[in-house]
Amino acid sequence: MPRALSVNPKQPNLYLEYDTFGSPTNPAILLVMGLATQMTAWRPDFCEILAKAGYFVVRFDNRDIGLSSHLDDFGPPPLVTRVIQHKIYGLFGCPKIKSAYTLEDMAEDAFG
C-alpha cells in the first residue's frame, strides 16, 4: 500500500498509509474509519463495489493507527480521561486537555 508523506504542512514528517480503488479520474469517495480502527476495516470487496459504481475510492489509516505515523512521544490519547471528566463535569464543564493534535489537524490530514 502507498504511503503519503507530508500530508499536513504543520507536521512535515507525518505520513499516512492509504489505499485506492478505481480510476483517479472518477469522483472521489474518502473512507474515514473511526476511533482506533485501521483502514482495513473498510473491506476490499466493499471498496471494489464503490469503484465499479464509478468512484475513485480512497481509504487511509489516521495518525496513530495502523501503518501511519505514530506520535509515541506524546503518549496515548487522553480518551479515558476525557470520558471520566465528561461523566464528572458534564458536557460543558470539562476542563481542557492538552493533546498532541486536534480534530482540525486530522481533518487537514484527510484533505492532504
N, C-alpha and C. Protein backbone atom coordinates (compact mmCIF):
# COMPACT_ATOMS: atom_id res chain seq x y z
N MET A 1 0.83 -1.18 0.00
CA MET A 1 0.00 0.00 0.00
C MET A 1 0.88 1.24 0.00
N PRO A 2 0.43 2.29 -0.65
CA PRO A 2 1.22 3.53 -0.71
C PRO A 2 1.23 4.27 0.63
N ARG A 3 2.16 5.16 0.74
CA ARG A 3 2.29 6.00 1.93
C ARG A 3 2.43 7.44 1.47
N ALA A 4 1.61 8.32 2.01
CA ALA A 4 1.69 9.74 1.67
C ALA A 4 2.53 10.44 2.73
N LEU A 5 3.59 11.11 2.31
CA LEU A 5 4.46 11.84 3.22
C LEU A 5 4.10 13.31 3.19
N SER A 6 4.19 13.95 4.35
CA SER A 6 3.97 15.38 4.48
C SER A 6 2.58 15.80 4.02
N VAL A 7 1.57 15.09 4.49
CA VAL A 7 0.21 15.46 4.10
C VAL A 7 -0.30 16.66 4.88
N ASN A 8 0.36 16.99 5.99
CA ASN A 8 -0.06 18.11 6.82
C ASN A 8 1.12 19.07 6.95
N PRO A 9 0.99 20.29 6.42
CA PRO A 9 2.13 21.22 6.46
C PRO A 9 2.61 21.58 7.86
N LYS A 10 1.75 21.44 8.89
CA LYS A 10 2.15 21.74 10.26
C LYS A 10 3.09 20.67 10.80
N GLN A 11 3.03 19.46 10.23
CA GLN A 11 3.85 18.35 10.69
C GLN A 11 4.47 17.67 9.46
N PRO A 12 5.58 18.21 8.96
CA PRO A 12 6.13 17.75 7.68
C PRO A 12 6.64 16.30 7.69
N ASN A 13 6.88 15.71 8.85
CA ASN A 13 7.35 14.33 8.88
C ASN A 13 6.22 13.32 9.07
N LEU A 14 5.00 13.80 9.10
CA LEU A 14 3.84 12.94 9.26
C LEU A 14 3.57 12.19 7.96
N TYR A 15 3.28 10.91 8.05
CA TYR A 15 2.87 10.16 6.86
C TYR A 15 1.63 9.34 7.17
N LEU A 16 0.81 9.16 6.15
CA LEU A 16 -0.41 8.37 6.27
C LEU A 16 -0.37 7.23 5.25
N GLU A 17 -0.68 6.05 5.72
CA GLU A 17 -0.81 4.89 4.85
C GLU A 17 -2.18 4.96 4.19
N TYR A 18 -2.24 4.66 2.89
CA TYR A 18 -3.52 4.72 2.20
C TYR A 18 -3.58 3.67 1.11
N ASP A 19 -4.77 3.48 0.59
CA ASP A 19 -5.01 2.53 -0.48
C ASP A 19 -6.09 3.12 -1.37
N THR A 20 -6.04 2.83 -2.66
CA THR A 20 -7.05 3.37 -3.59
C THR A 20 -7.64 2.25 -4.44
N PHE A 21 -8.84 2.50 -4.91
CA PHE A 21 -9.56 1.58 -5.79
C PHE A 21 -10.21 2.42 -6.88
N GLY A 22 -10.18 1.94 -8.11
CA GLY A 22 -10.83 2.65 -9.21
C GLY A 22 -9.91 3.67 -9.86
N SER A 23 -10.51 4.41 -10.76
CA SER A 23 -9.75 5.40 -11.55
C SER A 23 -9.73 6.76 -10.86
N PRO A 24 -8.55 7.39 -10.78
CA PRO A 24 -8.48 8.72 -10.16
C PRO A 24 -9.20 9.80 -10.96
N THR A 25 -9.66 9.48 -12.16
CA THR A 25 -10.43 10.46 -12.94
C THR A 25 -11.91 10.45 -12.54
N ASN A 26 -12.32 9.47 -11.75
CA ASN A 26 -13.71 9.39 -11.29
C ASN A 26 -13.91 10.26 -10.05
N PRO A 27 -15.17 10.59 -9.72
CA PRO A 27 -15.42 11.32 -8.47
C PRO A 27 -14.89 10.51 -7.28
N ALA A 28 -14.32 11.21 -6.31
CA ALA A 28 -13.67 10.53 -5.18
C ALA A 28 -14.62 10.33 -4.01
N ILE A 29 -14.40 9.21 -3.33
CA ILE A 29 -15.03 8.93 -2.04
C ILE A 29 -13.89 8.66 -1.07
N LEU A 30 -13.83 9.43 0.01
CA LEU A 30 -12.81 9.23 1.04
C LEU A 30 -13.45 8.47 2.19
N LEU A 31 -12.95 7.28 2.47
CA LEU A 31 -13.47 6.47 3.56
C LEU A 31 -12.61 6.72 4.80
N VAL A 32 -13.22 7.30 5.82
CA VAL A 32 -12.53 7.62 7.06
C VAL A 32 -13.03 6.66 8.13
N MET A 33 -12.14 5.86 8.67
CA MET A 33 -12.53 4.90 9.70
C MET A 33 -12.52 5.61 11.05
N GLY A 34 -13.29 5.09 11.98
CA GLY A 34 -13.46 5.72 13.29
C GLY A 34 -12.34 5.42 14.26
N LEU A 35 -12.60 5.72 15.49
CA LEU A 35 -11.67 5.67 16.59
C LEU A 35 -10.91 4.35 16.69
N ALA A 36 -9.60 4.43 16.62
CA ALA A 36 -8.70 3.30 16.87
C ALA A 36 -8.94 2.10 15.95
N THR A 37 -9.32 2.36 14.72
CA THR A 37 -9.56 1.27 13.76
C THR A 37 -8.79 1.55 12.48
N GLN A 38 -8.13 0.52 11.96
CA GLN A 38 -7.36 0.66 10.74
C GLN A 38 -8.26 0.72 9.51
N MET A 39 -7.67 1.23 8.42
CA MET A 39 -8.41 1.34 7.17
C MET A 39 -8.88 -0.02 6.66
N THR A 40 -8.21 -1.10 7.07
CA THR A 40 -8.57 -2.43 6.60
C THR A 40 -9.96 -2.86 7.07
N ALA A 41 -10.55 -2.10 8.01
CA ALA A 41 -11.93 -2.38 8.40
C ALA A 41 -12.89 -2.05 7.25
N TRP A 42 -12.44 -1.17 6.33
CA TRP A 42 -13.19 -0.96 5.09
C TRP A 42 -12.79 -2.12 4.17
N ARG A 43 -13.62 -3.11 4.09
CA ARG A 43 -13.28 -4.34 3.37
C ARG A 43 -13.03 -4.07 1.88
N PRO A 44 -12.03 -4.73 1.30
CA PRO A 44 -11.73 -4.52 -0.12
C PRO A 44 -12.93 -4.78 -1.04
N ASP A 45 -13.76 -5.78 -0.72
CA ASP A 45 -14.91 -6.05 -1.59
C ASP A 45 -15.89 -4.88 -1.59
N PHE A 46 -16.06 -4.20 -0.45
CA PHE A 46 -16.90 -3.01 -0.39
C PHE A 46 -16.29 -1.88 -1.23
N CYS A 47 -14.98 -1.70 -1.10
CA CYS A 47 -14.29 -0.66 -1.88
C CYS A 47 -14.40 -0.94 -3.37
N GLU A 48 -14.29 -2.19 -3.75
CA GLU A 48 -14.41 -2.58 -5.17
C GLU A 48 -15.81 -2.31 -5.71
N ILE A 49 -16.83 -2.56 -4.89
CA ILE A 49 -18.20 -2.27 -5.31
C ILE A 49 -18.35 -0.78 -5.61
N LEU A 50 -17.83 0.07 -4.73
CA LEU A 50 -17.89 1.51 -4.96
C LEU A 50 -17.11 1.90 -6.21
N ALA A 51 -15.94 1.30 -6.40
CA ALA A 51 -15.12 1.61 -7.58
C ALA A 51 -15.85 1.19 -8.87
N LYS A 52 -16.48 0.02 -8.85
CA LYS A 52 -17.22 -0.46 -10.03
C LYS A 52 -18.44 0.41 -10.31
N ALA A 53 -18.92 1.11 -9.28
CA ALA A 53 -20.05 2.02 -9.46
C ALA A 53 -19.59 3.37 -10.03
N GLY A 54 -18.28 3.51 -10.29
CA GLY A 54 -17.77 4.71 -10.93
C GLY A 54 -17.10 5.72 -10.02
N TYR A 55 -16.64 5.27 -8.86
CA TYR A 55 -15.98 6.17 -7.93
C TYR A 55 -14.51 5.81 -7.76
N PHE A 56 -13.73 6.81 -7.42
CA PHE A 56 -12.33 6.62 -7.02
C PHE A 56 -12.35 6.57 -5.50
N VAL A 57 -12.05 5.42 -4.94
CA VAL A 57 -12.18 5.19 -3.51
C VAL A 57 -10.81 5.28 -2.84
N VAL A 58 -10.73 6.07 -1.79
CA VAL A 58 -9.50 6.21 -1.01
C VAL A 58 -9.82 5.84 0.43
N ARG A 59 -9.06 4.90 0.99
CA ARG A 59 -9.16 4.59 2.42
C ARG A 59 -7.78 4.81 3.02
N PHE A 60 -7.72 5.21 4.28
CA PHE A 60 -6.41 5.51 4.88
C PHE A 60 -6.42 5.23 6.37
N ASP A 61 -5.23 5.08 6.92
CA ASP A 61 -5.05 4.96 8.36
C ASP A 61 -4.85 6.36 8.93
N ASN A 62 -5.66 6.75 9.90
CA ASN A 62 -5.43 8.01 10.60
C ASN A 62 -4.08 7.97 11.30
N ARG A 63 -3.57 9.10 11.71
CA ARG A 63 -2.34 9.14 12.52
C ARG A 63 -2.56 8.32 13.79
N ASP A 64 -1.50 7.71 14.26
CA ASP A 64 -1.52 6.86 15.45
C ASP A 64 -2.28 5.54 15.26
N ILE A 65 -2.57 5.19 14.02
CA ILE A 65 -3.27 3.94 13.73
C ILE A 65 -2.56 3.22 12.59
N GLY A 66 -2.51 1.89 12.68
CA GLY A 66 -2.01 1.07 11.58
C GLY A 66 -0.59 1.42 11.17
N LEU A 67 -0.40 1.63 9.87
CA LEU A 67 0.93 1.89 9.34
C LEU A 67 1.23 3.38 9.16
N SER A 68 0.32 4.24 9.61
CA SER A 68 0.58 5.68 9.56
C SER A 68 1.49 6.09 10.72
N SER A 69 1.92 7.35 10.71
CA SER A 69 2.79 7.86 11.77
C SER A 69 2.16 7.65 13.14
N HIS A 70 3.00 7.23 14.07
CA HIS A 70 2.60 7.12 15.47
C HIS A 70 3.36 8.18 16.25
N LEU A 71 2.65 8.99 16.97
CA LEU A 71 3.26 10.07 17.73
C LEU A 71 3.50 9.59 19.16
N ASP A 72 4.37 8.62 19.29
CA ASP A 72 4.63 7.95 20.57
C ASP A 72 5.19 8.88 21.64
N ASP A 73 5.88 9.93 21.25
CA ASP A 73 6.47 10.85 22.22
C ASP A 73 5.42 11.53 23.09
N PHE A 74 4.20 11.60 22.59
CA PHE A 74 3.13 12.29 23.31
C PHE A 74 2.32 11.36 24.20
N GLY A 75 2.57 10.07 24.15
CA GLY A 75 1.81 9.11 24.95
C GLY A 75 0.45 8.84 24.33
N PRO A 76 -0.33 7.99 24.97
CA PRO A 76 -1.64 7.65 24.41
C PRO A 76 -2.60 8.83 24.48
N PRO A 77 -3.58 8.87 23.57
CA PRO A 77 -4.57 9.94 23.63
C PRO A 77 -5.33 9.87 24.96
N PRO A 78 -5.75 11.01 25.49
CA PRO A 78 -6.39 11.03 26.81
C PRO A 78 -7.88 10.68 26.75
N LEU A 79 -8.25 9.66 25.99
CA LEU A 79 -9.65 9.30 25.81
C LEU A 79 -10.31 8.91 27.13
N VAL A 80 -9.67 8.06 27.88
CA VAL A 80 -10.26 7.62 29.16
C VAL A 80 -10.43 8.82 30.09
N THR A 81 -9.43 9.67 30.15
CA THR A 81 -9.51 10.87 30.98
C THR A 81 -10.70 11.74 30.55
N ARG A 82 -10.85 11.90 29.25
CA ARG A 82 -11.95 12.73 28.73
C ARG A 82 -13.31 12.11 29.09
N VAL A 83 -13.46 10.81 28.98
CA VAL A 83 -14.73 10.15 29.32
C VAL A 83 -15.05 10.34 30.80
N ILE A 84 -14.05 10.16 31.65
CA ILE A 84 -14.26 10.33 33.09
C ILE A 84 -14.64 11.77 33.41
N GLN A 85 -13.93 12.73 32.81
CA GLN A 85 -14.25 14.13 33.06
C GLN A 85 -15.66 14.46 32.58
N HIS A 86 -16.04 13.90 31.46
CA HIS A 86 -17.38 14.15 30.93
C HIS A 86 -18.45 13.67 31.92
N LYS A 87 -18.20 12.50 32.51
CA LYS A 87 -19.14 11.96 33.48
C LYS A 87 -19.19 12.81 34.75
N ILE A 88 -18.05 13.33 35.17
CA ILE A 88 -17.99 14.12 36.40
C ILE A 88 -18.51 15.54 36.18
N TYR A 89 -18.05 16.21 35.12
CA TYR A 89 -18.34 17.62 34.92
C TYR A 89 -19.52 17.88 33.98
N GLY A 90 -19.93 16.89 33.23
CA GLY A 90 -20.98 17.10 32.24
C GLY A 90 -20.40 17.64 30.94
N LEU A 91 -21.25 17.80 29.97
CA LEU A 91 -20.82 18.15 28.61
C LEU A 91 -20.05 19.47 28.53
N PHE A 92 -20.48 20.50 29.25
CA PHE A 92 -19.89 21.83 29.08
C PHE A 92 -18.89 22.22 30.16
N GLY A 93 -18.75 21.43 31.20
CA GLY A 93 -17.89 21.82 32.29
C GLY A 93 -16.52 21.17 32.28
N CYS A 94 -16.20 20.39 31.23
CA CYS A 94 -14.92 19.67 31.20
C CYS A 94 -13.75 20.63 31.03
N PRO A 95 -12.72 20.49 31.86
CA PRO A 95 -11.52 21.29 31.64
C PRO A 95 -10.84 20.87 30.33
N LYS A 96 -10.11 21.78 29.76
CA LYS A 96 -9.41 21.46 28.51
C LYS A 96 -8.27 20.49 28.78
N ILE A 97 -8.07 19.58 27.84
CA ILE A 97 -6.98 18.61 27.92
C ILE A 97 -6.00 18.93 26.80
N LYS A 98 -4.74 18.99 27.13
CA LYS A 98 -3.71 19.24 26.13
C LYS A 98 -3.45 17.93 25.38
N SER A 99 -3.43 17.99 24.07
CA SER A 99 -3.18 16.79 23.28
C SER A 99 -2.19 17.11 22.16
N ALA A 100 -1.65 16.06 21.57
CA ALA A 100 -0.62 16.21 20.55
C ALA A 100 -1.17 16.81 19.26
N TYR A 101 -2.48 16.63 19.02
CA TYR A 101 -3.10 17.15 17.81
C TYR A 101 -4.59 17.28 18.03
N THR A 102 -5.23 18.00 17.12
CA THR A 102 -6.65 18.29 17.25
C THR A 102 -7.45 17.59 16.15
N LEU A 103 -8.75 17.66 16.27
CA LEU A 103 -9.62 17.13 15.23
C LEU A 103 -9.40 17.91 13.94
N GLU A 104 -9.12 19.21 14.06
CA GLU A 104 -8.81 20.02 12.88
C GLU A 104 -7.55 19.50 12.18
N ASP A 105 -6.54 19.11 12.94
CA ASP A 105 -5.33 18.53 12.35
C ASP A 105 -5.67 17.26 11.57
N MET A 106 -6.54 16.43 12.15
CA MET A 106 -6.91 15.19 11.47
C MET A 106 -7.72 15.47 10.20
N ALA A 107 -8.54 16.53 10.21
CA ALA A 107 -9.27 16.91 9.00
C ALA A 107 -8.28 17.36 7.92
N GLU A 108 -7.24 18.10 8.32
CA GLU A 108 -6.22 18.51 7.35
C GLU A 108 -5.47 17.30 6.80
N ASP A 109 -5.25 16.30 7.65
CA ASP A 109 -4.63 15.06 7.18
C ASP A 109 -5.46 14.44 6.06
N ALA A 110 -6.76 14.34 6.30
CA ALA A 110 -7.67 13.73 5.33
C ALA A 110 -7.67 14.53 4.02
N PHE A 111 -7.68 15.85 4.16
CA PHE A 111 -7.67 16.70 2.96
C PHE A 111 -6.37 16.49 2.18
N GLY A 112 -5.27 16.34 2.91
CA GLY A 112 -3.96 16.13 2.25
C GLY A 112 -3.90 14.82 1.52
